[in-house]
Amino acid sequence: MRNRNQPIAQEGYPFIVLFGFVTLVFALLGWNFITLLLLALTLFTVYFFRNPERVIPAGENLVVAPADGKVIFVGEVEEPRYFKERVTKVSIFMNVFNVHVNRVPCEGKVVEMYYQKGEFLNASLDKAADCNEQGGILLETDSGKRLLFVQIAGLVARRIVTYPEIGDVLARGMRYGLIRFGSRVDIYFPKGSDVQVTLGEQTVAGETILGTLS
């Protein structure tokens, strides 16, 4: 997978180079105020696409957070696409200051994927899960347990990046994509799972334990 051992996610390189070049041009022209603004934008872009290492917890059937951010929903919902029943959903909202590289919640094989075009509503809204642009991965463990996790674009986000393909075997905590300039990841646990995370909790991708599969 991409971005292993890279301090800056490669998806950010075009933006960093572009903003850096424009900053240099205005610096040579002597437009100091605009140069400072563009320099701040360049540095923020580097910060936004940072890609830190994480310590992945060990343990059978553990599910870790796929995103840095704040838990804005924990509860039962109807999941009509794959589970076709009421399951527990956890939603993690990422603001622009969070790390945006997403990580695999648990080990398993990619058995289904989907991509849905849609709107760009504020990702903290409930209806964003239905209306917004999104991409989901259904993972199956060796013991047959399934977990669905969905990247959802938001008000500012305009590009969902997902690395795996159907058939890939993923390890817990490995990088699997990012959402450029936003926004939210939803995790759907199968029935009987023990969800331990609480509403309002701050999560760290690859490290924070959300719960265990049944």
N, C-alpha and C. Protein backbone atom coordinates (compact mmCIF):
# COMPACT_ATOMS: atom_id res chain seq x y z
N MET A 1 0.83 -1.20 0.00
CA MET A 1 0.00 0.00 0.00
C MET A 1 0.87 1.26 0.00
N ARG A 2 0.30 2.35 -0.45
CA ARG A 2 1.03 3.61 -0.55
C ARG A 2 1.31 4.22 0.82
N ASN A 3 2.26 5.14 0.83
CA ASN A 3 2.56 6.01 1.96
C ASN A 3 3.17 5.31 3.16
N ARG A 4 3.73 4.12 2.99
CA ARG A 4 4.46 3.49 4.08
C ARG A 4 5.79 4.21 4.29
N ASN A 5 6.09 4.54 5.53
CA ASN A 5 7.36 5.18 5.90
C ASN A 5 7.59 6.51 5.19
N GLN A 6 6.51 7.21 4.87
CA GLN A 6 6.62 8.53 4.27
C GLN A 6 6.02 9.55 5.24
N PRO A 7 6.78 10.55 5.65
CA PRO A 7 6.25 11.52 6.63
C PRO A 7 5.13 12.40 6.08
N ILE A 8 5.08 12.54 4.74
CA ILE A 8 4.03 13.31 4.09
C ILE A 8 3.34 12.41 3.07
N ALA A 9 2.00 12.33 3.12
CA ALA A 9 1.27 11.50 2.17
C ALA A 9 1.50 12.00 0.75
N GLN A 10 1.76 11.07 -0.17
CA GLN A 10 2.12 11.47 -1.53
C GLN A 10 1.00 12.21 -2.25
N GLU A 11 -0.25 12.02 -1.81
CA GLU A 11 -1.36 12.76 -2.42
C GLU A 11 -1.24 14.27 -2.21
N GLY A 12 -0.43 14.66 -1.23
CA GLY A 12 -0.26 16.08 -0.96
C GLY A 12 0.83 16.75 -1.77
N TYR A 13 1.69 15.95 -2.41
CA TYR A 13 2.82 16.53 -3.13
C TYR A 13 2.43 17.56 -4.19
N PRO A 14 1.43 17.28 -5.05
CA PRO A 14 1.08 18.28 -6.07
C PRO A 14 0.65 19.62 -5.47
N PHE A 15 -0.10 19.58 -4.37
CA PHE A 15 -0.55 20.82 -3.74
C PHE A 15 0.63 21.57 -3.12
N ILE A 16 1.51 20.83 -2.46
CA ILE A 16 2.67 21.45 -1.80
C ILE A 16 3.59 22.11 -2.83
N VAL A 17 3.85 21.40 -3.93
CA VAL A 17 4.71 21.95 -4.98
C VAL A 17 4.07 23.18 -5.61
N LEU A 18 2.75 23.10 -5.90
CA LEU A 18 2.05 24.23 -6.52
C LEU A 18 2.09 25.46 -5.62
N PHE A 19 1.69 25.29 -4.36
CA PHE A 19 1.67 26.44 -3.45
C PHE A 19 3.07 26.97 -3.19
N GLY A 20 4.04 26.06 -3.11
CA GLY A 20 5.42 26.49 -2.90
C GLY A 20 5.94 27.30 -4.07
N PHE A 21 5.61 26.86 -5.29
CA PHE A 21 6.06 27.57 -6.49
C PHE A 21 5.44 28.96 -6.57
N VAL A 22 4.14 29.03 -6.31
CA VAL A 22 3.46 30.34 -6.36
C VAL A 22 4.02 31.27 -5.28
N THR A 23 4.32 30.71 -4.12
CA THR A 23 4.93 31.51 -3.04
C THR A 23 6.26 32.09 -3.49
N LEU A 24 7.07 31.26 -4.15
CA LEU A 24 8.38 31.72 -4.63
C LEU A 24 8.23 32.82 -5.66
N VAL A 25 7.25 32.68 -6.55
CA VAL A 25 7.04 33.70 -7.59
C VAL A 25 6.72 35.05 -6.96
N PHE A 26 5.80 35.06 -5.99
CA PHE A 26 5.42 36.34 -5.37
C PHE A 26 6.55 36.90 -4.50
N ALA A 27 7.38 35.98 -3.94
CA ALA A 27 8.53 36.45 -3.17
C ALA A 27 9.53 37.17 -4.08
N LEU A 28 9.76 36.63 -5.28
CA LEU A 28 10.66 37.26 -6.24
C LEU A 28 10.11 38.59 -6.75
N LEU A 29 8.78 38.70 -6.80
CA LEU A 29 8.15 39.96 -7.23
C LEU A 29 8.16 41.01 -6.12
N GLY A 30 8.48 40.56 -4.90
CA GLY A 30 8.54 41.50 -3.79
C GLY A 30 7.21 41.81 -3.15
N TRP A 31 6.21 40.99 -3.40
CA TRP A 31 4.88 41.19 -2.81
C TRP A 31 4.86 40.46 -1.46
N ASN A 32 5.35 41.13 -0.46
CA ASN A 32 5.62 40.48 0.82
C ASN A 32 4.38 39.96 1.54
N PHE A 33 3.33 40.75 1.56
CA PHE A 33 2.13 40.33 2.28
C PHE A 33 1.52 39.06 1.67
N ILE A 34 1.37 39.07 0.33
CA ILE A 34 0.83 37.90 -0.35
C ILE A 34 1.76 36.71 -0.19
N THR A 35 3.07 36.98 -0.21
CA THR A 35 4.05 35.90 -0.02
C THR A 35 3.86 35.23 1.33
N LEU A 36 3.65 36.02 2.38
CA LEU A 36 3.45 35.46 3.71
C LEU A 36 2.18 34.62 3.77
N LEU A 37 1.11 35.10 3.13
CA LEU A 37 -0.14 34.34 3.10
C LEU A 37 0.05 33.01 2.38
N LEU A 38 0.73 33.06 1.25
CA LEU A 38 0.96 31.84 0.48
C LEU A 38 1.91 30.89 1.20
N LEU A 39 2.89 31.44 1.91
CA LEU A 39 3.80 30.60 2.70
C LEU A 39 3.03 29.88 3.80
N ALA A 40 2.11 30.60 4.44
CA ALA A 40 1.28 29.98 5.48
C ALA A 40 0.43 28.87 4.89
N LEU A 41 -0.12 29.10 3.68
CA LEU A 41 -0.93 28.09 3.01
C LEU A 41 -0.08 26.86 2.67
N THR A 42 1.13 27.09 2.21
CA THR A 42 2.03 25.98 1.87
C THR A 42 2.36 25.14 3.10
N LEU A 43 2.69 25.82 4.20
CA LEU A 43 3.03 25.11 5.44
C LEU A 43 1.83 24.35 5.99
N PHE A 44 0.64 24.96 5.88
CA PHE A 44 -0.55 24.26 6.36
C PHE A 44 -0.82 23.02 5.52
N THR A 45 -0.57 23.10 4.22
CA THR A 45 -0.77 21.95 3.34
C THR A 45 0.16 20.81 3.72
N VAL A 46 1.41 21.14 4.03
CA VAL A 46 2.37 20.13 4.51
C VAL A 46 1.83 19.49 5.79
N TYR A 47 1.34 20.34 6.69
CA TYR A 47 0.80 19.86 7.97
C TYR A 47 -0.43 18.98 7.75
N PHE A 48 -1.30 19.39 6.83
CA PHE A 48 -2.53 18.64 6.57
C PHE A 48 -2.23 17.23 6.07
N PHE A 49 -1.23 17.08 5.22
CA PHE A 49 -0.93 15.78 4.62
C PHE A 49 0.13 15.00 5.41
N ARG A 50 0.37 15.38 6.65
CA ARG A 50 1.32 14.65 7.49
C ARG A 50 0.87 13.20 7.64
N ASN A 51 1.84 12.32 7.82
CA ASN A 51 1.55 10.88 7.81
C ASN A 51 2.34 10.19 8.92
N PRO A 52 1.95 10.40 10.18
CA PRO A 52 2.76 9.88 11.29
C PRO A 52 2.65 8.37 11.45
N GLU A 53 3.67 7.80 12.06
CA GLU A 53 3.64 6.37 12.40
C GLU A 53 2.74 6.17 13.61
N ARG A 54 2.18 5.00 13.73
CA ARG A 54 1.29 4.68 14.84
C ARG A 54 1.66 3.33 15.43
N VAL A 55 1.37 3.16 16.73
CA VAL A 55 1.59 1.88 17.42
C VAL A 55 0.27 1.12 17.41
N ILE A 56 0.22 0.04 16.65
CA ILE A 56 -1.03 -0.71 16.45
C ILE A 56 -1.21 -1.72 17.59
N PRO A 57 -2.32 -1.68 18.31
CA PRO A 57 -2.53 -2.64 19.40
C PRO A 57 -2.74 -4.06 18.87
N ALA A 58 -2.27 -5.03 19.65
CA ALA A 58 -2.44 -6.44 19.29
C ALA A 58 -3.61 -7.03 20.08
N GLY A 59 -4.26 -8.02 19.50
CA GLY A 59 -5.37 -8.68 20.18
C GLY A 59 -6.35 -9.24 19.18
N GLU A 60 -6.91 -10.37 19.47
CA GLU A 60 -7.82 -11.03 18.55
C GLU A 60 -9.13 -10.26 18.43
N ASN A 61 -9.57 -10.05 17.19
CA ASN A 61 -10.86 -9.43 16.88
C ASN A 61 -10.97 -7.96 17.29
N LEU A 62 -9.85 -7.31 17.59
CA LEU A 62 -9.90 -5.89 17.93
C LEU A 62 -10.23 -5.05 16.69
N VAL A 63 -10.99 -4.00 16.91
CA VAL A 63 -11.29 -3.03 15.86
C VAL A 63 -10.77 -1.68 16.31
N VAL A 64 -9.87 -1.08 15.52
CA VAL A 64 -9.29 0.21 15.88
C VAL A 64 -9.89 1.31 15.01
N ALA A 65 -9.72 2.53 15.44
CA ALA A 65 -10.27 3.67 14.71
C ALA A 65 -9.61 3.80 13.34
N PRO A 66 -10.39 3.99 12.29
CA PRO A 66 -9.82 4.21 10.96
C PRO A 66 -9.40 5.65 10.71
N ALA A 67 -9.77 6.55 11.64
CA ALA A 67 -9.51 7.97 11.42
C ALA A 67 -9.22 8.68 12.72
N ASP A 68 -8.40 9.73 12.63
CA ASP A 68 -8.26 10.68 13.73
C ASP A 68 -9.51 11.56 13.75
N GLY A 69 -9.99 11.90 14.92
CA GLY A 69 -11.14 12.79 14.97
C GLY A 69 -11.98 12.61 16.22
N LYS A 70 -13.22 13.03 16.12
CA LYS A 70 -14.15 13.00 17.24
C LYS A 70 -15.32 12.07 16.92
N VAL A 71 -15.68 11.23 17.88
CA VAL A 71 -16.82 10.33 17.70
C VAL A 71 -18.10 11.16 17.82
N ILE A 72 -18.87 11.24 16.73
CA ILE A 72 -20.09 12.05 16.72
C ILE A 72 -21.36 11.21 16.74
N PHE A 73 -21.20 9.88 16.62
CA PHE A 73 -22.38 9.01 16.69
C PHE A 73 -21.95 7.61 17.12
N VAL A 74 -22.71 7.04 18.05
CA VAL A 74 -22.59 5.63 18.42
C VAL A 74 -24.01 5.13 18.66
N GLY A 75 -24.45 4.16 17.89
CA GLY A 75 -25.80 3.65 18.08
C GLY A 75 -26.22 2.68 17.00
N GLU A 76 -27.43 2.17 17.15
CA GLU A 76 -27.96 1.20 16.19
C GLU A 76 -28.61 1.91 15.01
N VAL A 77 -28.34 1.39 13.82
CA VAL A 77 -28.95 1.90 12.59
C VAL A 77 -29.26 0.73 11.67
N GLU A 78 -30.10 0.97 10.70
CA GLU A 78 -30.36 -0.03 9.66
C GLU A 78 -29.29 0.11 8.59
N GLU A 79 -28.61 -0.99 8.25
CA GLU A 79 -27.60 -0.97 7.19
C GLU A 79 -28.14 -1.83 6.04
N PRO A 80 -28.68 -1.19 4.99
CA PRO A 80 -29.40 -1.93 3.95
C PRO A 80 -28.53 -2.53 2.85
N ARG A 81 -27.29 -2.09 2.75
CA ARG A 81 -26.48 -2.50 1.60
C ARG A 81 -25.92 -3.92 1.74
N TYR A 82 -25.32 -4.24 2.89
CA TYR A 82 -24.67 -5.54 3.08
C TYR A 82 -25.27 -6.34 4.24
N PHE A 83 -25.40 -5.71 5.40
CA PHE A 83 -25.90 -6.45 6.55
C PHE A 83 -27.41 -6.69 6.48
N LYS A 84 -28.11 -5.69 5.91
CA LYS A 84 -29.57 -5.79 5.75
C LYS A 84 -30.29 -6.04 7.09
N GLU A 85 -29.82 -5.39 8.13
CA GLU A 85 -30.43 -5.47 9.45
C GLU A 85 -29.87 -4.33 10.30
N ARG A 86 -30.37 -4.21 11.52
CA ARG A 86 -29.88 -3.18 12.42
C ARG A 86 -28.54 -3.61 13.03
N VAL A 87 -27.57 -2.72 12.90
CA VAL A 87 -26.23 -2.98 13.42
C VAL A 87 -25.76 -1.73 14.16
N THR A 88 -24.62 -1.83 14.81
CA THR A 88 -24.06 -0.68 15.52
C THR A 88 -23.13 0.11 14.61
N LYS A 89 -23.38 1.41 14.56
CA LYS A 89 -22.54 2.30 13.74
C LYS A 89 -21.78 3.27 14.64
N VAL A 90 -20.51 3.48 14.29
CA VAL A 90 -19.69 4.50 14.93
C VAL A 90 -19.25 5.48 13.85
N SER A 91 -19.48 6.77 14.07
CA SER A 91 -19.07 7.80 13.11
C SER A 91 -17.98 8.67 13.72
N ILE A 92 -16.90 8.86 12.96
CA ILE A 92 -15.77 9.69 13.40
C ILE A 92 -15.64 10.87 12.44
N PHE A 93 -15.72 12.08 12.99
CA PHE A 93 -15.64 13.30 12.19
C PHE A 93 -14.23 13.87 12.26
N MET A 94 -13.66 14.16 11.10
CA MET A 94 -12.32 14.75 11.00
C MET A 94 -12.42 16.23 10.65
N ASN A 95 -11.83 17.10 11.47
CA ASN A 95 -11.74 18.50 11.07
C ASN A 95 -10.44 18.71 10.30
N VAL A 96 -10.22 19.93 9.82
CA VAL A 96 -9.09 20.17 8.93
C VAL A 96 -7.74 20.06 9.65
N PHE A 97 -7.76 20.02 10.99
CA PHE A 97 -6.50 19.93 11.72
C PHE A 97 -6.13 18.49 12.08
N ASN A 98 -7.02 17.54 11.82
CA ASN A 98 -6.72 16.13 12.10
C ASN A 98 -5.85 15.53 11.01
N VAL A 99 -5.11 14.47 11.36
CA VAL A 99 -4.43 13.66 10.35
C VAL A 99 -5.51 13.02 9.47
N HIS A 100 -5.33 13.07 8.16
CA HIS A 100 -6.37 12.59 7.25
C HIS A 100 -6.04 11.27 6.55
N VAL A 101 -4.91 10.67 6.89
CA VAL A 101 -4.61 9.34 6.37
C VAL A 101 -5.44 8.34 7.15
N ASN A 102 -6.22 7.52 6.44
CA ASN A 102 -7.10 6.54 7.08
C ASN A 102 -6.42 5.18 7.20
N ARG A 103 -6.79 4.44 8.26
CA ARG A 103 -6.17 3.15 8.54
C ARG A 103 -7.22 2.05 8.66
N VAL A 104 -6.82 0.83 8.33
CA VAL A 104 -7.72 -0.32 8.32
C VAL A 104 -8.12 -0.67 9.77
N PRO A 105 -9.42 -0.81 10.05
CA PRO A 105 -9.86 -1.08 11.42
C PRO A 105 -9.50 -2.46 11.95
N CYS A 106 -9.52 -3.48 11.09
CA CYS A 106 -9.17 -4.83 11.54
C CYS A 106 -8.63 -5.63 10.37
N GLU A 107 -7.98 -6.76 10.70
CA GLU A 107 -7.40 -7.56 9.63
C GLU A 107 -8.51 -8.33 8.91
N GLY A 108 -8.31 -8.56 7.62
CA GLY A 108 -9.29 -9.32 6.86
C GLY A 108 -9.12 -9.13 5.37
N LYS A 109 -10.01 -9.75 4.62
CA LYS A 109 -9.98 -9.71 3.16
C LYS A 109 -11.09 -8.79 2.64
N VAL A 110 -10.76 -7.98 1.65
CA VAL A 110 -11.75 -7.11 1.02
C VAL A 110 -12.66 -7.97 0.14
N VAL A 111 -13.94 -8.09 0.54
CA VAL A 111 -14.87 -8.93 -0.23
C VAL A 111 -15.83 -8.11 -1.08
N GLU A 112 -16.07 -6.85 -0.69
CA GLU A 112 -16.93 -5.98 -1.48
C GLU A 112 -16.44 -4.54 -1.32
N MET A 113 -16.69 -3.73 -2.36
CA MET A 113 -16.40 -2.31 -2.30
C MET A 113 -17.49 -1.57 -3.07
N TYR A 114 -17.72 -0.31 -2.69
CA TYR A 114 -18.66 0.49 -3.48
C TYR A 114 -18.22 1.94 -3.45
N TYR A 115 -18.65 2.66 -4.48
CA TYR A 115 -18.43 4.10 -4.55
C TYR A 115 -19.74 4.75 -4.96
N GLN A 116 -20.11 5.81 -4.26
CA GLN A 116 -21.38 6.49 -4.54
C GLN A 116 -21.14 7.98 -4.71
N LYS A 117 -21.48 8.51 -5.87
CA LYS A 117 -21.42 9.95 -6.05
C LYS A 117 -22.54 10.60 -5.24
N GLY A 118 -22.34 11.86 -4.88
CA GLY A 118 -23.37 12.50 -4.08
C GLY A 118 -23.06 13.95 -3.79
N GLU A 119 -23.70 14.45 -2.74
CA GLU A 119 -23.56 15.85 -2.36
C GLU A 119 -22.34 16.04 -1.47
N PHE A 120 -22.14 17.28 -1.06
CA PHE A 120 -21.03 17.62 -0.16
C PHE A 120 -21.57 18.41 1.02
N LEU A 121 -22.54 17.81 1.72
CA LEU A 121 -23.10 18.43 2.91
C LEU A 121 -22.10 18.36 4.05
N ASN A 122 -22.33 19.15 5.07
CA ASN A 122 -21.50 19.08 6.27
C ASN A 122 -21.49 17.64 6.77
N ALA A 123 -20.30 17.05 6.93
CA ALA A 123 -20.19 15.63 7.25
C ALA A 123 -20.69 15.29 8.65
N SER A 124 -20.88 16.29 9.50
CA SER A 124 -21.39 16.02 10.84
C SER A 124 -22.90 15.81 10.85
N LEU A 125 -23.58 16.11 9.75
CA LEU A 125 -25.04 15.93 9.67
C LEU A 125 -25.38 14.45 9.49
N ASP A 126 -26.51 14.02 10.08
CA ASP A 126 -26.93 12.63 9.96
C ASP A 126 -27.15 12.22 8.51
N LYS A 127 -27.76 13.12 7.72
CA LYS A 127 -28.11 12.75 6.34
C LYS A 127 -26.89 12.67 5.42
N ALA A 128 -25.72 13.11 5.90
CA ALA A 128 -24.51 12.99 5.09
C ALA A 128 -24.19 11.54 4.77
N ALA A 129 -24.55 10.62 5.69
CA ALA A 129 -24.28 9.20 5.47
C ALA A 129 -25.05 8.66 4.28
N ASP A 130 -26.18 9.28 3.95
CA ASP A 130 -27.00 8.82 2.82
C ASP A 130 -26.75 9.63 1.56
N CYS A 131 -26.54 10.95 1.71
CA CYS A 131 -26.53 11.85 0.56
C CYS A 131 -25.15 12.17 0.00
N ASN A 132 -24.13 12.12 0.84
CA ASN A 132 -22.81 12.60 0.40
C ASN A 132 -22.04 11.58 -0.44
N GLU A 133 -21.07 12.12 -1.18
CA GLU A 133 -20.15 11.25 -1.92
C GLU A 133 -19.42 10.36 -0.91
N GLN A 134 -19.26 9.08 -1.25
CA GLN A 134 -18.67 8.14 -0.29
C GLN A 134 -18.14 6.89 -0.97
N GLY A 135 -17.28 6.19 -0.23
CA GLY A 135 -16.75 4.92 -0.71
C GLY A 135 -16.61 3.98 0.47
N GLY A 136 -17.08 2.73 0.30
CA GLY A 136 -17.08 1.78 1.40
C GLY A 136 -16.32 0.50 1.09
N ILE A 137 -15.81 -0.13 2.14
CA ILE A 137 -15.11 -1.41 2.05
C ILE A 137 -15.76 -2.39 3.01
N LEU A 138 -16.12 -3.56 2.51
CA LEU A 138 -16.61 -4.64 3.37
C LEU A 138 -15.48 -5.64 3.54
N LEU A 139 -15.07 -5.82 4.80
CA LEU A 139 -13.93 -6.68 5.13
C LEU A 139 -14.43 -7.94 5.81
N GLU A 140 -13.83 -9.08 5.47
CA GLU A 140 -14.19 -10.35 6.12
C GLU A 140 -12.95 -10.94 6.76
N THR A 141 -13.07 -11.30 8.05
CA THR A 141 -11.94 -11.88 8.78
C THR A 141 -11.83 -13.37 8.45
N ASP A 142 -10.74 -13.98 8.92
CA ASP A 142 -10.53 -15.42 8.69
C ASP A 142 -11.65 -16.26 9.31
N SER A 143 -12.25 -15.76 10.38
CA SER A 143 -13.32 -16.51 11.05
C SER A 143 -14.70 -16.20 10.48
N GLY A 144 -14.75 -15.39 9.43
CA GLY A 144 -16.02 -15.13 8.76
C GLY A 144 -16.77 -13.91 9.25
N LYS A 145 -16.20 -13.16 10.18
CA LYS A 145 -16.85 -11.94 10.66
C LYS A 145 -16.66 -10.83 9.64
N ARG A 146 -17.67 -9.96 9.53
CA ARG A 146 -17.61 -8.89 8.53
C ARG A 146 -17.72 -7.53 9.18
N LEU A 147 -17.00 -6.56 8.61
CA LEU A 147 -17.00 -5.19 9.10
C LEU A 147 -17.04 -4.26 7.89
N LEU A 148 -17.92 -3.28 7.96
CA LEU A 148 -18.05 -2.30 6.87
C LEU A 148 -17.54 -0.95 7.37
N PHE A 149 -16.65 -0.32 6.59
CA PHE A 149 -16.21 1.03 6.93
C PHE A 149 -16.28 1.91 5.69
N VAL A 150 -16.76 3.14 5.89
CA VAL A 150 -17.14 4.01 4.78
C VAL A 150 -16.50 5.39 4.93
N GLN A 151 -15.77 5.81 3.90
CA GLN A 151 -15.23 7.17 3.84
C GLN A 151 -16.29 8.08 3.24
N ILE A 152 -16.57 9.19 3.93
CA ILE A 152 -17.62 10.11 3.48
C ILE A 152 -17.04 11.50 3.29
N ALA A 153 -17.20 12.06 2.10
CA ALA A 153 -16.74 13.41 1.82
C ALA A 153 -17.64 14.41 2.55
N GLY A 154 -17.14 15.64 2.73
CA GLY A 154 -17.91 16.63 3.47
C GLY A 154 -18.02 17.95 2.74
N LEU A 155 -18.18 19.01 3.52
CA LEU A 155 -18.42 20.34 2.98
C LEU A 155 -17.24 20.84 2.15
N VAL A 156 -16.03 20.56 2.62
CA VAL A 156 -14.82 21.04 1.94
C VAL A 156 -14.19 19.93 1.11
N ALA A 157 -14.33 18.69 1.58
CA ALA A 157 -13.69 17.56 0.89
C ALA A 157 -14.25 17.39 -0.52
N ARG A 158 -13.37 17.08 -1.45
CA ARG A 158 -13.82 16.88 -2.83
C ARG A 158 -13.19 15.65 -3.47
N ARG A 159 -12.49 14.84 -2.68
CA ARG A 159 -11.84 13.69 -3.29
C ARG A 159 -11.60 12.61 -2.25
N ILE A 160 -12.18 11.45 -2.48
CA ILE A 160 -11.95 10.29 -1.65
C ILE A 160 -10.90 9.41 -2.33
N VAL A 161 -9.86 9.05 -1.60
CA VAL A 161 -8.80 8.21 -2.13
C VAL A 161 -8.81 6.89 -1.35
N THR A 162 -8.93 5.78 -2.08
CA THR A 162 -8.96 4.45 -1.46
C THR A 162 -7.99 3.55 -2.21
N TYR A 163 -7.06 2.92 -1.49
CA TYR A 163 -6.02 2.12 -2.13
C TYR A 163 -6.43 0.67 -2.45
N PRO A 164 -7.09 -0.07 -1.54
CA PRO A 164 -7.30 -1.51 -1.76
C PRO A 164 -8.23 -1.81 -2.93
N GLU A 165 -8.17 -3.06 -3.35
CA GLU A 165 -9.09 -3.60 -4.35
C GLU A 165 -9.70 -4.88 -3.80
N ILE A 166 -10.80 -5.30 -4.40
CA ILE A 166 -11.44 -6.55 -3.97
C ILE A 166 -10.45 -7.71 -4.07
N GLY A 167 -10.38 -8.48 -2.99
CA GLY A 167 -9.45 -9.61 -2.93
C GLY A 167 -8.20 -9.33 -2.12
N ASP A 168 -7.90 -8.06 -1.88
CA ASP A 168 -6.72 -7.71 -1.09
C ASP A 168 -6.90 -8.15 0.37
N VAL A 169 -5.83 -8.63 0.96
CA VAL A 169 -5.83 -8.98 2.38
C VAL A 169 -5.15 -7.84 3.14
N LEU A 170 -5.87 -7.26 4.10
CA LEU A 170 -5.39 -6.08 4.80
C LEU A 170 -5.06 -6.40 6.25
N ALA A 171 -4.08 -5.69 6.78
CA ALA A 171 -3.69 -5.85 8.18
C ALA A 171 -4.26 -4.69 9.01
N ARG A 172 -4.58 -4.99 10.25
CA ARG A 172 -5.09 -3.95 11.14
C ARG A 172 -4.08 -2.81 11.25
N GLY A 173 -4.57 -1.59 11.07
CA GLY A 173 -3.73 -0.41 11.25
C GLY A 173 -2.98 0.04 10.02
N MET A 174 -3.00 -0.74 8.94
CA MET A 174 -2.28 -0.30 7.74
C MET A 174 -3.02 0.85 7.06
N ARG A 175 -2.31 1.69 6.37
CA ARG A 175 -2.92 2.83 5.68
C ARG A 175 -3.71 2.33 4.48
N TYR A 176 -4.93 2.83 4.32
CA TYR A 176 -5.73 2.37 3.18
C TYR A 176 -6.30 3.49 2.34
N GLY A 177 -6.05 4.76 2.70
CA GLY A 177 -6.56 5.85 1.89
C GLY A 177 -6.61 7.13 2.69
N LEU A 178 -7.25 8.14 2.09
CA LEU A 178 -7.48 9.41 2.80
C LEU A 178 -8.61 10.15 2.10
N ILE A 179 -9.10 11.19 2.79
CA ILE A 179 -10.11 12.06 2.20
C ILE A 179 -9.49 13.44 2.11
N ARG A 180 -9.36 13.94 0.90
CA ARG A 180 -8.67 15.21 0.73
C ARG A 180 -9.53 16.37 1.24
N PHE A 181 -9.06 16.95 2.31
CA PHE A 181 -9.66 18.11 2.98
C PHE A 181 -11.02 17.79 3.62
N GLY A 182 -11.16 16.64 4.22
CA GLY A 182 -12.35 16.27 5.01
C GLY A 182 -12.27 14.81 5.35
N SER A 183 -13.21 14.15 5.95
CA SER A 183 -14.37 14.68 6.57
C SER A 183 -14.95 13.70 7.59
N ARG A 184 -15.17 12.39 7.23
CA ARG A 184 -15.82 11.48 8.17
C ARG A 184 -15.64 10.04 7.73
N VAL A 185 -15.56 9.13 8.71
CA VAL A 185 -15.54 7.70 8.43
C VAL A 185 -16.56 7.03 9.33
N ASP A 186 -17.44 6.21 8.74
CA ASP A 186 -18.43 5.42 9.48
C ASP A 186 -17.99 3.97 9.52
N ILE A 187 -18.16 3.34 10.69
CA ILE A 187 -17.82 1.93 10.86
C ILE A 187 -19.07 1.19 11.30
N TYR A 188 -19.43 0.12 10.58
CA TYR A 188 -20.60 -0.68 10.90
C TYR A 188 -20.15 -2.03 11.47
N PHE A 189 -20.49 -2.26 12.74
CA PHE A 189 -20.13 -3.50 13.43
C PHE A 189 -21.23 -4.53 13.26
N PRO A 190 -20.88 -5.81 13.07
CA PRO A 190 -21.91 -6.85 13.00
C PRO A 190 -22.58 -7.04 14.36
N LYS A 191 -23.76 -7.63 14.34
CA LYS A 191 -24.51 -7.88 15.57
C LYS A 191 -23.68 -8.67 16.56
N GLY A 192 -23.83 -8.31 17.84
CA GLY A 192 -23.13 -9.03 18.89
C GLY A 192 -21.76 -8.51 19.21
N SER A 193 -21.28 -7.52 18.44
CA SER A 193 -19.96 -6.95 18.70
C SER A 193 -19.98 -6.12 19.98
N ASP A 194 -18.83 -6.01 20.61
CA ASP A 194 -18.69 -5.22 21.83
C ASP A 194 -18.07 -3.88 21.46
N VAL A 195 -18.89 -2.84 21.36
CA VAL A 195 -18.42 -1.50 20.99
C VAL A 195 -18.12 -0.73 22.27
N GLN A 196 -16.87 -0.29 22.43
CA GLN A 196 -16.41 0.30 23.68
C GLN A 196 -16.23 1.81 23.61
N VAL A 197 -16.16 2.35 22.41
CA VAL A 197 -15.91 3.78 22.26
C VAL A 197 -17.17 4.56 22.66
N THR A 198 -16.99 5.80 23.11
CA THR A 198 -18.11 6.59 23.59
C THR A 198 -18.27 7.88 22.79
N LEU A 199 -19.48 8.42 22.81
CA LEU A 199 -19.78 9.65 22.10
C LEU A 199 -18.91 10.79 22.62
N GLY A 200 -18.32 11.55 21.69
CA GLY A 200 -17.47 12.67 22.06
C GLY A 200 -16.01 12.32 22.25
N GLU A 201 -15.68 11.05 22.23
CA GLU A 201 -14.29 10.62 22.43
C GLU A 201 -13.43 11.01 21.23
N GLN A 202 -12.20 11.41 21.50
CA GLN A 202 -11.23 11.70 20.45
C GLN A 202 -10.48 10.42 20.08
N THR A 203 -10.39 10.13 18.81
CA THR A 203 -9.75 8.90 18.36
C THR A 203 -8.44 9.17 17.64
N VAL A 204 -7.56 8.18 17.68
CA VAL A 204 -6.30 8.21 16.94
C VAL A 204 -6.30 7.02 16.00
N ALA A 205 -6.20 7.28 14.70
CA ALA A 205 -6.27 6.21 13.70
C ALA A 205 -5.21 5.16 13.93
N GLY A 206 -5.64 3.90 13.95
CA GLY A 206 -4.72 2.80 14.11
C GLY A 206 -4.39 2.47 15.55
N GLU A 207 -4.76 3.33 16.51
CA GLU A 207 -4.39 3.13 17.91
C GLU A 207 -5.60 3.00 18.84
N THR A 208 -6.58 3.88 18.69
CA THR A 208 -7.74 3.87 19.57
C THR A 208 -8.60 2.64 19.30
N ILE A 209 -8.88 1.85 20.33
CA ILE A 209 -9.72 0.65 20.18
C ILE A 209 -11.19 1.06 20.23
N LEU A 210 -11.92 0.74 19.17
CA LEU A 210 -13.35 1.03 19.12
C LEU A 210 -14.17 -0.09 19.75
N GLY A 211 -13.67 -1.32 19.69
CA GLY A 211 -14.40 -2.45 20.24
C GLY A 211 -13.82 -3.76 19.72
N THR A 212 -14.57 -4.83 19.90
CA THR A 212 -14.16 -6.14 19.41
C THR A 212 -15.32 -6.77 18.63
N LEU A 213 -14.99 -7.54 17.61
CA LEU A 213 -16.01 -8.24 16.85
C LEU A 213 -16.55 -9.40 17.67
N SER A 214 -17.79 -9.78 17.39
CA SER A 214 -18.44 -10.84 18.14
C SER A 214 -17.70 -12.16 17.98
